[in-house]
């Protein structure tokens, strides 16, 4: 009765060589070419019935190994120049093949990991889609532009600079003045409830420092967003008037 032996399948001659090196636990930079060649020839001897197109690649490598083996067995001539190792080219090919093989394993692992990841189609909940802003900000500031606000702001800042005494301002120690935006918003809301309708320019001119002007300006923008005040202007370059929208 004939015994059938199933051979391990290799992707090519370099794959087979790497297998033999790992099996024999030898250094890839110091290949025992005689032993590896014998094992390689023994393996391809069992592949006689395989596809000849595949066999041709293994036979070419076998011829290369035999050529290297013959060079290694020849006596070395004593010369001053160091002879090149006949295994060097083969070692380089093996190292490159091993690198690409490891890269293929890494890509395969990533592909397997990706297959276990599920993605959800982005959706918007109905309550978010149906949400409407309580106040139309665009309508609130439809007749106001940043250019107008900036012009008034610069005008007020210039007046503050003109108030500074160029001589006395150099005296003493200048300390940083802390002005809270939250406190300024409370102050401005109470001011609006008390005066109902007042001038934007006049409000800024009442501030005592540059920091108070800046924080007051920011507080006005915040109260506009929340709908607690309304800003209007009759003509271009006219003063802006602020009206309270908070019930007393």
C-alpha atoms as a PDB file:
ATOM      1  CA  UNK A   1       0.000   0.000   0.000  1.00  0.00           C
ATOM      2  CA  UNK A   2       1.432   3.372  -1.082  1.00  0.00           C
ATOM      3  CA  UNK A   3       2.000   5.936   1.681  1.00  0.00           C
ATOM      4  CA  UNK A   4       0.855   9.451   0.765  1.00  0.00           C
ATOM      5  CA  UNK A   5       2.679  12.329   2.460  1.00  0.00           C
ATOM      6  CA  UNK A   6       1.126  15.806   2.394  1.00  0.00           C
ATOM      7  CA  UNK A   7       3.803  18.454   2.007  1.00  0.00           C
ATOM      8  CA  UNK A   8       3.589  21.871   3.603  1.00  0.00           C
ATOM      9  CA  UNK A   9       2.730  24.497   1.003  1.00  0.00           C
ATOM     10  CA  UNK A  10       5.126  27.425   0.605  1.00  0.00           C
ATOM     11  CA  UNK A  11       4.531  30.627  -1.310  1.00  0.00           C
ATOM     12  CA  UNK A  12       7.864  30.450  -3.070  1.00  0.00           C
ATOM     13  CA  UNK A  13      11.507  29.370  -2.776  1.00  0.00           C
ATOM     14  CA  UNK A  14      12.368  32.197  -0.366  1.00  0.00           C
ATOM     15  CA  UNK A  15       9.484  31.147   1.874  1.00  0.00           C
ATOM     16  CA  UNK A  16      10.851  27.603   1.922  1.00  0.00           C
ATOM     17  CA  UNK A  17      14.355  28.838   2.742  1.00  0.00           C
ATOM     18  CA  UNK A  18      13.079  30.923   5.660  1.00  0.00           C
ATOM     19  CA  UNK A  19      11.221  27.887   6.951  1.00  0.00           C
ATOM     20  CA  UNK A  20      14.392  25.772   6.831  1.00  0.00           C
ATOM     21  CA  UNK A  21      16.421  28.475   8.607  1.00  0.00           C
ATOM     22  CA  UNK A  22      13.830  28.775  11.384  1.00  0.00           C
ATOM     23  CA  UNK A  23      13.503  25.003  11.632  1.00  0.00           C
ATOM     24  CA  UNK A  24      17.276  24.586  12.052  1.00  0.00           C
ATOM     25  CA  UNK A  25      17.503  27.682  14.283  1.00  0.00           C
ATOM     26  CA  UNK A  26      20.427  29.166  12.380  1.00  0.00           C
ATOM     27  CA  UNK A  27      21.549  32.755  11.951  1.00  0.00           C
ATOM     28  CA  UNK A  28      20.331  34.256   8.686  1.00  0.00           C
ATOM     29  CA  UNK A  29      23.668  36.110   8.343  1.00  0.00           C
ATOM     30  CA  UNK A  30      25.658  32.856   8.671  1.00  0.00           C
ATOM     31  CA  UNK A  31      23.737  30.265   6.675  1.00  0.00           C
ATOM     32  CA  UNK A  32      25.184  26.689   6.811  1.00  0.00           C
ATOM     33  CA  UNK A  33      24.826  26.464   3.063  1.00  0.00           C
ATOM     34  CA  UNK A  34      25.707  22.755   2.732  1.00  0.00           C
ATOM     35  CA  UNK A  35      23.090  21.558   5.215  1.00  0.00           C
ATOM     36  CA  UNK A  36      20.378  23.964   4.026  1.00  0.00           C
ATOM     37  CA  UNK A  37      21.018  23.054   0.375  1.00  0.00           C
ATOM     38  CA  UNK A  38      20.666  19.337   1.114  1.00  0.00           C
ATOM     39  CA  UNK A  39      17.383  19.880   2.961  1.00  0.00           C
ATOM     40  CA  UNK A  40      16.111  22.145   0.190  1.00  0.00           C
ATOM     41  CA  UNK A  41      16.899  19.543  -2.514  1.00  0.00           C
ATOM     42  CA  UNK A  42      15.241  16.853  -0.414  1.00  0.00           C
ATOM     43  CA  UNK A  43      12.073  18.899  -0.205  1.00  0.00           C
ATOM     44  CA  UNK A  44      11.793  19.704  -3.917  1.00  0.00           C
ATOM     45  CA  UNK A  45      12.456  16.033  -4.615  1.00  0.00           C
ATOM     46  CA  UNK A  46       9.062  15.391  -3.019  1.00  0.00           C
ATOM     47  CA  UNK A  47       7.460  18.012  -5.255  1.00  0.00           C
ATOM     48  CA  UNK A  48       7.951  16.145  -8.554  1.00  0.00           C
ATOM     49  CA  UNK A  49       4.221  15.756  -9.117  1.00  0.00           C
ATOM     50  CA  UNK A  50       3.422  19.421  -8.552  1.00  0.00           C
ATOM     51  CA  UNK A  51       2.753  22.059 -11.224  1.00  0.00           C
ATOM     52  CA  UNK A  52       5.850  22.534 -13.370  1.00  0.00           C
ATOM     53  CA  UNK A  53       5.375  26.315 -13.441  1.00  0.00           C
ATOM     54  CA  UNK A  54       5.648  26.378  -9.664  1.00  0.00           C
ATOM     55  CA  UNK A  55       8.467  23.844  -9.657  1.00  0.00           C
ATOM     56  CA  UNK A  56      10.538  26.019 -11.999  1.00  0.00           C
ATOM     57  CA  UNK A  57      10.888  28.734  -9.372  1.00  0.00           C
ATOM     58  CA  UNK A  58      12.090  26.236  -6.768  1.00  0.00           C
ATOM     59  CA  UNK A  59      14.519  24.643  -9.266  1.00  0.00           C
ATOM     60  CA  UNK A  60      16.056  28.047 -10.052  1.00  0.00           C
ATOM     61  CA  UNK A  61      16.676  28.595  -6.349  1.00  0.00           C
ATOM     62  CA  UNK A  62      18.080  25.065  -6.077  1.00  0.00           C
ATOM     63  CA  UNK A  63      20.582  25.886  -8.821  1.00  0.00           C
ATOM     64  CA  UNK A  64      21.514  29.075  -6.973  1.00  0.00           C
ATOM     65  CA  UNK A  65      22.086  27.162  -3.735  1.00  0.00           C
ATOM     66  CA  UNK A  66      24.213  24.545  -5.482  1.00  0.00           C
ATOM     67  CA  UNK A  67      26.284  27.316  -7.078  1.00  0.00           C
ATOM     68  CA  UNK A  68      26.821  28.967  -3.687  1.00  0.00           C
ATOM     69  CA  UNK A  69      27.585  25.590  -2.132  1.00  0.00           C
ATOM     70  CA  UNK A  70      30.269  24.874  -4.750  1.00  0.00           C
ATOM     71  CA  UNK A  71      31.880  28.268  -4.170  1.00  0.00           C
ATOM     72  CA  UNK A  72      31.904  27.681  -0.416  1.00  0.00           C
ATOM     73  CA  UNK A  73      33.544  24.262  -0.850  1.00  0.00           C
ATOM     74  CA  UNK A  74      36.347  25.550  -3.083  1.00  0.00           C
ATOM     75  CA  UNK A  75      39.601  26.265  -1.262  1.00  0.00           C
ATOM     76  CA  UNK A  76      40.085  29.936  -0.559  1.00  0.00           C
ATOM     77  CA  UNK A  77      43.001  31.677  -2.202  1.00  0.00           C
ATOM     78  CA  UNK A  78      45.278  33.632   0.064  1.00  0.00           C
ATOM     79  CA  UNK A  79      44.978  37.199  -1.143  1.00  0.00           C
ATOM     80  CA  UNK A  80      45.238  40.571   0.503  1.00  0.00           C
ATOM     81  CA  UNK A  81      41.777  41.544  -0.637  1.00  0.00           C
ATOM     82  CA  UNK A  82      38.882  40.124   1.331  1.00  0.00           C
ATOM     83  CA  UNK A  83      36.700  37.920  -0.834  1.00  0.00           C
ATOM     84  CA  UNK A  84      32.988  38.668  -1.002  1.00  0.00           C
ATOM     85  CA  UNK A  85      30.769  36.140   0.772  1.00  0.00           C
ATOM     86  CA  UNK A  86      28.876  34.221  -1.966  1.00  0.00           C
ATOM     87  CA  UNK A  87      25.867  34.094   0.410  1.00  0.00           C
ATOM     88  CA  UNK A  88      25.564  37.909   0.660  1.00  0.00           C
ATOM     89  CA  UNK A  89      23.099  38.388  -2.201  1.00  0.00           C
ATOM     90  CA  UNK A  90      20.920  35.514  -0.987  1.00  0.00           C
ATOM     91  CA  UNK A  91      20.922  36.893   2.576  1.00  0.00           C
ATOM     92  CA  UNK A  92      19.787  40.305   1.288  1.00  0.00           C
ATOM     93  CA  UNK A  93      16.904  38.727  -0.641  1.00  0.00           C
ATOM     94  CA  UNK A  94      15.869  36.699   2.412  1.00  0.00           C
ATOM     95  CA  UNK A  95      15.877  39.788   4.652  1.00  0.00           C
ATOM     96  CA  UNK A  96      13.725  41.746   2.196  1.00  0.00           C
ATOM     97  CA  UNK A  97      11.312  38.838   1.811  1.00  0.00           C
ATOM     98  CA  UNK A  98      11.054  38.416   5.588  1.00  0.00           C
ATOM     99  CA  UNK A  99      10.302  42.129   6.012  1.00  0.00           C
ATOM    100  CA  UNK A 100       7.474  42.072   3.438  1.00  0.00           C
ATOM    101  CA  UNK A 101       6.116  38.857   4.914  1.00  0.00           C
ATOM    102  CA  UNK A 102       5.907  40.440   8.370  1.00  0.00           C
ATOM    103  CA  UNK A 103       4.201  43.479   6.839  1.00  0.00           C
ATOM    104  CA  UNK A 104       1.619  41.218   5.179  1.00  0.00           C
ATOM    105  CA  UNK A 105       0.841  39.586   8.552  1.00  0.00           C
ATOM    106  CA  UNK A 106       0.376  43.022  10.125  1.00  0.00           C
ATOM    107  CA  UNK A 107      -1.999  44.113   7.353  1.00  0.00           C
ATOM    108  CA  UNK A 108      -3.941  40.878   7.671  1.00  0.00           C
ATOM    109  CA  UNK A 109      -4.340  41.398  11.435  1.00  0.00           C
ATOM    110  CA  UNK A 110      -5.599  44.938  10.829  1.00  0.00           C
ATOM    111  CA  UNK A 111      -8.075  43.668   8.257  1.00  0.00           C
ATOM    112  CA  UNK A 112      -9.398  41.108  10.739  1.00  0.00           C
ATOM    113  CA  UNK A 113      -9.709  43.787  13.417  1.00  0.00           C
ATOM    114  CA  UNK A 114     -11.555  46.054  10.978  1.00  0.00           C
ATOM    115  CA  UNK A 115     -14.088  43.319  10.257  1.00  0.00           C
ATOM    116  CA  UNK A 116     -15.091  43.359  13.937  1.00  0.00           C
ATOM    117  CA  UNK A 117     -15.808  47.118  13.936  1.00  0.00           C
ATOM    118  CA  UNK A 118     -19.336  48.353  13.302  1.00  0.00           C
ATOM    119  CA  UNK A 119     -20.208  51.872  12.202  1.00  0.00           C
ATOM    120  CA  UNK A 120     -23.514  53.622  12.820  1.00  0.00           C
ATOM    121  CA  UNK A 121     -25.019  55.823  10.162  1.00  0.00           C
ATOM    122  CA  UNK A 122     -25.134  59.406  11.529  1.00  0.00           C
ATOM    123  CA  UNK A 123     -28.678  60.413  12.470  1.00  0.00           C
ATOM    124  CA  UNK A 124     -30.244  63.465  14.130  1.00  0.00           C
ATOM    125  CA  UNK A 125     -32.847  62.850  16.873  1.00  0.00           C
ATOM    126  CA  UNK A 126     -36.317  64.287  16.227  1.00  0.00           C
ATOM    127  CA  UNK A 127     -36.155  66.525  19.289  1.00  0.00           C
ATOM    128  CA  UNK A 128     -32.944  68.090  17.983  1.00  0.00           C
ATOM    129  CA  UNK A 129     -34.270  68.461  14.418  1.00  0.00           C
ATOM    130  CA  UNK A 130     -37.471  70.134  15.636  1.00  0.00           C
ATOM    131  CA  UNK A 131     -35.690  72.517  18.018  1.00  0.00           C
ATOM    132  CA  UNK A 132     -36.229  76.211  17.290  1.00  0.00           C
ATOM    133  CA  UNK A 133     -34.267  79.109  18.685  1.00  0.00           C
ATOM    134  CA  UNK A 134     -36.378  80.999  21.257  1.00  0.00           C
ATOM    135  CA  UNK A 135     -35.111  84.295  19.809  1.00  0.00           C
ATOM    136  CA  UNK A 136     -34.213  85.065  16.200  1.00  0.00           C
ATOM    137  CA  UNK A 137     -30.732  86.538  16.576  1.00  0.00           C
ATOM    138  CA  UNK A 138     -30.605  87.667  12.942  1.00  0.00           C
ATOM    139  CA  UNK A 139     -33.836  89.627  13.310  1.00  0.00           C
ATOM    140  CA  UNK A 140     -32.647  91.054  16.619  1.00  0.00           C
ATOM    141  CA  UNK A 141     -29.514  92.619  15.094  1.00  0.00           C
ATOM    142  CA  UNK A 142     -30.738  93.014  11.521  1.00  0.00           C
ATOM    143  CA  UNK A 143     -30.047  96.779  11.408  1.00  0.00           C
ATOM    144  CA  UNK A 144     -26.801  96.609  13.381  1.00  0.00           C
ATOM    145  CA  UNK A 145     -23.417  95.792  11.882  1.00  0.00           C
ATOM    146  CA  UNK A 146     -20.095  95.083  13.548  1.00  0.00           C
ATOM    147  CA  UNK A 147     -18.662  98.035  11.635  1.00  0.00           C
ATOM    148  CA  UNK A 148     -21.080 100.409  13.366  1.00  0.00           C
ATOM    149  CA  UNK A 149     -20.413  98.938  16.794  1.00  0.00           C
ATOM    150  CA  UNK A 150     -16.678  99.061  16.182  1.00  0.00           C
ATOM    151  CA  UNK A 151     -16.817 102.719  15.114  1.00  0.00           C
ATOM    152  CA  UNK A 152     -18.678 103.724  18.291  1.00  0.00           C
ATOM    153  CA  UNK A 153     -16.348 101.605  20.404  1.00  0.00           C
ATOM    154  CA  UNK A 154     -13.248 103.307  18.911  1.00  0.00           C
ATOM    155  CA  UNK A 155     -14.816 106.741  19.388  1.00  0.00           C
ATOM    156  CA  UNK A 156     -15.461 106.074  23.075  1.00  0.00           C
ATOM    157  CA  UNK A 157     -11.974 104.609  23.551  1.00  0.00           C
ATOM    158  CA  UNK A 158     -10.426 107.717  21.980  1.00  0.00           C
ATOM    159  CA  UNK A 159     -12.285 109.943  24.453  1.00  0.00           C
ATOM    160  CA  UNK A 160     -10.968 107.820  27.303  1.00  0.00           C
ATOM    161  CA  UNK A 161      -7.425 108.304  26.008  1.00  0.00           C
ATOM    162  CA  UNK A 162      -7.951 112.065  25.726  1.00  0.00           C
ATOM    163  CA  UNK A 163      -8.949 112.165  29.421  1.00  0.00           C
ATOM    164  CA  UNK A 164      -5.584 110.809  30.522  1.00  0.00           C
ATOM    165  CA  UNK A 165      -3.154 113.361  31.933  1.00  0.00           C
ATOM    166  CA  UNK A 166       0.132 112.659  30.076  1.00  0.00           C
ATOM    167  CA  UNK A 167       2.156 113.747  33.118  1.00  0.00           C
ATOM    168  CA  UNK A 168       0.218 112.520  36.138  1.00  0.00           C
ATOM    169  CA  UNK A 169      -0.551 109.199  34.488  1.00  0.00           C
ATOM    170  CA  UNK A 170       3.120 108.297  34.803  1.00  0.00           C
ATOM    171  CA  UNK A 171       3.001 108.587  38.596  1.00  0.00           C
ATOM    172  CA  UNK A 172       2.307 105.789  41.023  1.00  0.00           C
ATOM    173  CA  UNK A 173       1.890 102.064  40.490  1.00  0.00           C
ATOM    174  CA  UNK A 174      -0.605 100.764  37.944  1.00  0.00           C
ATOM    175  CA  UNK A 175      -2.483  97.721  39.144  1.00  0.00           C
ATOM    176  CA  UNK A 176      -4.623  95.412  37.048  1.00  0.00           C
ATOM    177  CA  UNK A 177      -8.315  96.011  37.600  1.00  0.00           C
ATOM    178  CA  UNK A 178     -10.431  92.868  37.741  1.00  0.00           C
ATOM    179  CA  UNK A 179     -13.853  93.292  36.132  1.00  0.00           C
ATOM    180  CA  UNK A 180     -16.191  90.271  36.061  1.00  0.00           C
ATOM    181  CA  UNK A 181     -18.310  89.735  32.934  1.00  0.00           C
ATOM    182  CA  UNK A 182     -21.073  88.096  35.016  1.00  0.00           C
ATOM    183  CA  UNK A 183     -21.194  91.048  37.434  1.00  0.00           C
ATOM    184  CA  UNK A 184     -21.186  93.506  34.532  1.00  0.00           C
ATOM    185  CA  UNK A 185     -24.120  91.641  32.914  1.00  0.00           C
ATOM    186  CA  UNK A 186     -26.114  91.892  36.173  1.00  0.00           C
ATOM    187  CA  UNK A 187     -25.232  95.597  36.418  1.00  0.00           C
ATOM    188  CA  UNK A 188     -26.224  96.233  32.793  1.00  0.00           C
ATOM    189  CA  UNK A 189     -29.505  94.299  33.146  1.00  0.00           C
ATOM    190  CA  UNK A 190     -30.448  96.360  36.215  1.00  0.00           C
ATOM    191  CA  UNK A 191     -29.354  99.544  34.415  1.00  0.00           C
ATOM    192  CA  UNK A 192     -31.557  98.657  31.424  1.00  0.00           C
ATOM    193  CA  UNK A 193     -34.564  97.929  33.631  1.00  0.00           C
ATOM    194  CA  UNK A 194     -34.116 101.293  35.356  1.00  0.00           C
ATOM    195  CA  UNK A 195     -33.551 103.469  32.266  1.00  0.00           C
ATOM    196  CA  UNK A 196     -35.669 101.422  29.788  1.00  0.00           C
ATOM    197  CA  UNK A 197     -34.205 103.184  26.720  1.00  0.00           C
ATOM    198  CA  UNK A 198     -30.708 104.678  26.725  1.00  0.00           C
ATOM    199  CA  UNK A 199     -27.737 105.551  24.505  1.00  0.00           C
ATOM    200  CA  UNK A 200     -25.025 103.030  23.779  1.00  0.00           C
ATOM    201  CA  UNK A 201     -22.426 105.787  23.525  1.00  0.00           C
ATOM    202  CA  UNK A 202     -23.618 107.414  26.738  1.00  0.00           C
ATOM    203  CA  UNK A 203     -23.399 104.101  28.587  1.00  0.00           C
ATOM    204  CA  UNK A 204     -19.796 103.524  27.554  1.00  0.00           C
ATOM    205  CA  UNK A 205     -18.801 107.108  28.402  1.00  0.00           C
ATOM    206  CA  UNK A 206     -19.990 106.546  31.980  1.00  0.00           C
ATOM    207  CA  UNK A 207     -17.394 103.805  32.490  1.00  0.00           C
ATOM    208  CA  UNK A 208     -14.303 104.796  34.459  1.00  0.00           C
ATOM    209  CA  UNK A 209     -11.647 102.637  32.816  1.00  0.00           C
ATOM    210  CA  UNK A 210     -10.728 100.889  29.596  1.00  0.00           C
ATOM    211  CA  UNK A 211     -11.313  97.482  31.173  1.00  0.00           C
ATOM    212  CA  UNK A 212     -14.838  98.459  32.242  1.00  0.00           C
ATOM    213  CA  UNK A 213     -15.603  99.642  28.696  1.00  0.00           C
ATOM    214  CA  UNK A 214     -14.435  96.380  27.182  1.00  0.00           C
ATOM    215  CA  UNK A 215     -16.321  94.169  29.641  1.00  0.00           C
ATOM    216  CA  UNK A 216     -19.459  96.334  29.307  1.00  0.00           C
ATOM    217  CA  UNK A 217     -19.255  95.981  25.525  1.00  0.00           C
ATOM    218  CA  UNK A 218     -19.049  92.186  25.891  1.00  0.00           C
ATOM    219  CA  UNK A 219     -21.947  92.192  28.372  1.00  0.00           C
ATOM    220  CA  UNK A 220     -24.118  94.052  25.826  1.00  0.00           C
ATOM    221  CA  UNK A 221     -23.406  91.383  23.202  1.00  0.00           C
ATOM    222  CA  UNK A 222     -24.308  88.611  25.668  1.00  0.00           C
ATOM    223  CA  UNK A 223     -27.591  90.282  26.673  1.00  0.00           C
ATOM    224  CA  UNK A 224     -28.436  90.761  22.988  1.00  0.00           C
ATOM    225  CA  UNK A 225     -28.057  87.016  22.450  1.00  0.00           C
ATOM    226  CA  UNK A 226     -30.398  86.190  25.335  1.00  0.00           C
ATOM    227  CA  UNK A 227     -33.003  88.747  24.144  1.00  0.00           C
ATOM    228  CA  UNK A 228     -32.903  90.810  27.316  1.00  0.00           C
ATOM    229  CA  UNK A 229     -32.081  94.005  25.415  1.00  0.00           C
ATOM    230  CA  UNK A 230     -32.876  95.282  21.916  1.00  0.00           C
ATOM    231  CA  UNK A 231     -30.583  97.539  19.873  1.00  0.00           C
ATOM    232  CA  UNK A 232     -31.737  99.956  17.183  1.00  0.00           C
ATOM    233  CA  UNK A 233     -30.335 102.798  15.052  1.00  0.00           C
ATOM    234  CA  UNK A 234     -32.380 105.268  13.020  1.00  0.00           C
ATOM    235  CA  UNK A 235     -29.736 106.466  10.569  1.00  0.00           C
ATOM    236  CA  UNK A 236     -26.240 105.383   9.538  1.00  0.00           C
ATOM    237  CA  UNK A 237     -23.517 106.723  11.834  1.00  0.00           C
ATOM    238  CA  UNK A 238     -26.137 107.808  14.395  1.00  0.00           C
ATOM    239  CA  UNK A 239     -25.899 106.773  17.993  1.00  0.00           C
ATOM    240  CA  UNK A 240     -27.225 103.303  18.885  1.00  0.00           C
ATOM    241  CA  UNK A 241     -30.056 103.048  21.397  1.00  0.00           C
ATOM    242  CA  UNK A 242     -30.554 100.151  23.782  1.00  0.00           C
ATOM    243  CA  UNK A 243     -34.013  99.148  24.937  1.00  0.00           C
ATOM    244  CA  UNK A 244     -34.755  96.811  27.851  1.00  0.00           C
ATOM    245  CA  UNK A 245     -36.844  93.748  27.072  1.00  0.00           C
ATOM    246  CA  UNK A 246     -37.012  92.532  30.689  1.00  0.00           C
ATOM    247  CA  UNK A 247     -40.241  93.107  32.556  1.00  0.00           C
ATOM    248  CA  UNK A 248     -39.864  95.234  35.673  1.00  0.00           C
END
